Amino acid sequence: MISREVTITNSIGLHARPATFFIQKANAYKASVWVEKEDRRVNAKSLLGVLSLGIAQGMTVTLLADGQDEEDALDGLMNLINTGFTEFAG
């Protein structure tokens, strides 16, 4: 299992559309992926789970992955967050 911290920089955080894009990206990997904020950990492949964390701009969360493509999963999710979800814009 690996983990990385990331700060959410897009203006609305992980709500509505960005959360949907996030879980779509997480579901593209075979690894189990979680998002952790403070003392709560949720499945990153669950829209309700991700939304329940109430992640807003400027918050730092921990991404965790476990499985055969765990490195790729975290790389992909970190890139999605760090580019402000532009991968899905348009």
Protein backbone atom coordinates (compact mmCIF):
# COMPACT_ATOMS: atom_id res chain seq x y z
CA MET A 1 0.00 0.00 0.00
CA ILE A 2 1.23 3.46 -0.87
CA SER A 3 -0.03 6.92 0.03
CA ARG A 4 0.48 10.54 -0.98
CA GLU A 5 -0.80 13.84 0.32
CA VAL A 6 -2.30 16.37 -2.08
CA THR A 7 -3.86 19.80 -1.66
CA ILE A 8 -7.07 20.47 -3.57
CA THR A 9 -6.56 23.60 -5.67
CA ASN A 10 -9.61 23.86 -7.93
CA SER A 11 -12.14 26.50 -6.90
CA ILE A 12 -15.00 24.21 -5.83
CA GLY A 13 -13.01 21.35 -4.30
CA LEU A 14 -14.25 17.78 -4.75
CA HIS A 15 -17.93 18.56 -5.21
CA ALA A 16 -20.35 17.78 -8.04
CA ARG A 17 -18.54 17.50 -11.39
CA PRO A 18 -14.94 17.31 -10.09
CA ALA A 19 -15.95 14.51 -7.69
CA THR A 20 -17.54 12.63 -10.58
CA PHE A 21 -14.38 13.01 -12.66
CA PHE A 22 -12.30 11.89 -9.68
CA ILE A 23 -14.24 8.66 -9.15
CA GLN A 24 -14.27 7.94 -12.90
CA LYS A 25 -10.47 8.20 -12.86
CA ALA A 26 -10.21 6.04 -9.72
CA ASN A 27 -12.42 3.39 -11.33
CA ALA A 28 -10.04 3.16 -14.28
CA TYR A 29 -7.56 1.30 -12.06
CA LYS A 30 -7.65 -2.20 -10.61
CA ALA A 31 -6.06 -1.11 -7.33
CA SER A 32 -8.20 -0.31 -4.31
CA VAL A 33 -8.08 3.44 -3.79
CA TRP A 34 -9.12 5.51 -0.77
CA VAL A 35 -9.30 9.18 0.16
CA GLU A 36 -8.51 10.12 3.73
CA LYS A 37 -9.36 13.45 5.37
CA GLU A 38 -8.54 13.88 9.03
CA ASP A 39 -9.79 10.67 10.68
CA ARG A 40 -12.14 9.51 7.90
CA ARG A 41 -11.27 7.20 5.02
CA VAL A 42 -13.63 6.49 2.12
CA ASN A 43 -13.53 4.46 -1.06
CA ALA A 44 -12.30 6.76 -3.85
CA LYS A 45 -14.49 4.82 -6.29
CA SER A 46 -17.67 5.82 -4.43
CA LEU A 47 -19.28 9.15 -5.33
CA LEU A 48 -21.26 9.31 -2.08
CA GLY A 49 -18.15 8.47 -0.09
CA VAL A 50 -16.05 11.19 -1.72
CA LEU A 51 -18.85 13.77 -1.44
CA SER A 52 -19.38 12.90 2.23
CA LEU A 53 -15.90 14.19 3.07
CA GLY A 54 -16.84 17.75 2.09
CA ILE A 55 -13.46 18.46 0.51
CA ALA A 56 -13.09 22.15 -0.34
CA GLN A 57 -10.41 24.22 -2.05
CA GLY A 58 -7.22 24.43 0.00
CA MET A 59 -7.81 21.24 1.99
CA THR A 60 -5.12 18.59 2.09
CA VAL A 61 -6.15 14.95 1.77
CA THR A 62 -4.28 11.68 1.64
CA LEU A 63 -4.73 9.32 -1.30
CA LEU A 64 -4.02 5.64 -0.64
CA ALA A 65 -3.82 2.78 -3.12
CA ASP A 66 -3.23 -0.94 -2.85
CA GLY A 67 -2.94 -3.34 -5.77
CA GLN A 68 -1.10 -4.17 -8.95
CA ASP A 69 -1.40 -0.68 -10.48
CA GLU A 70 -1.27 1.34 -7.25
CA GLU A 71 1.54 3.63 -8.47
CA ASP A 72 -0.31 4.38 -11.71
CA ALA A 73 -3.53 5.03 -9.79
CA LEU A 74 -1.97 7.59 -7.48
CA ASP A 75 0.00 9.19 -10.33
CA GLY A 76 -3.19 9.55 -12.38
CA LEU A 77 -5.28 10.95 -9.52
CA MET A 78 -2.53 13.34 -8.41
CA ASN A 79 -2.19 14.61 -11.98
CA LEU A 80 -5.96 15.08 -12.26
CA ILE A 81 -6.05 17.12 -9.05
CA ASN A 82 -2.88 19.10 -9.76
CA THR A 83 -4.11 20.17 -13.21
CA GLY A 84 -7.43 21.40 -11.82
CA PHE A 85 -9.43 18.62 -13.51
CA THR A 86 -8.64 20.04 -16.98
CA GLU A 87 -8.41 16.48 -18.33
CA PHE A 88 -12.22 16.41 -18.31
CA ALA A 89 -12.86 20.05 -19.25
CA GLY A 90 -14.54 20.90 -22.47
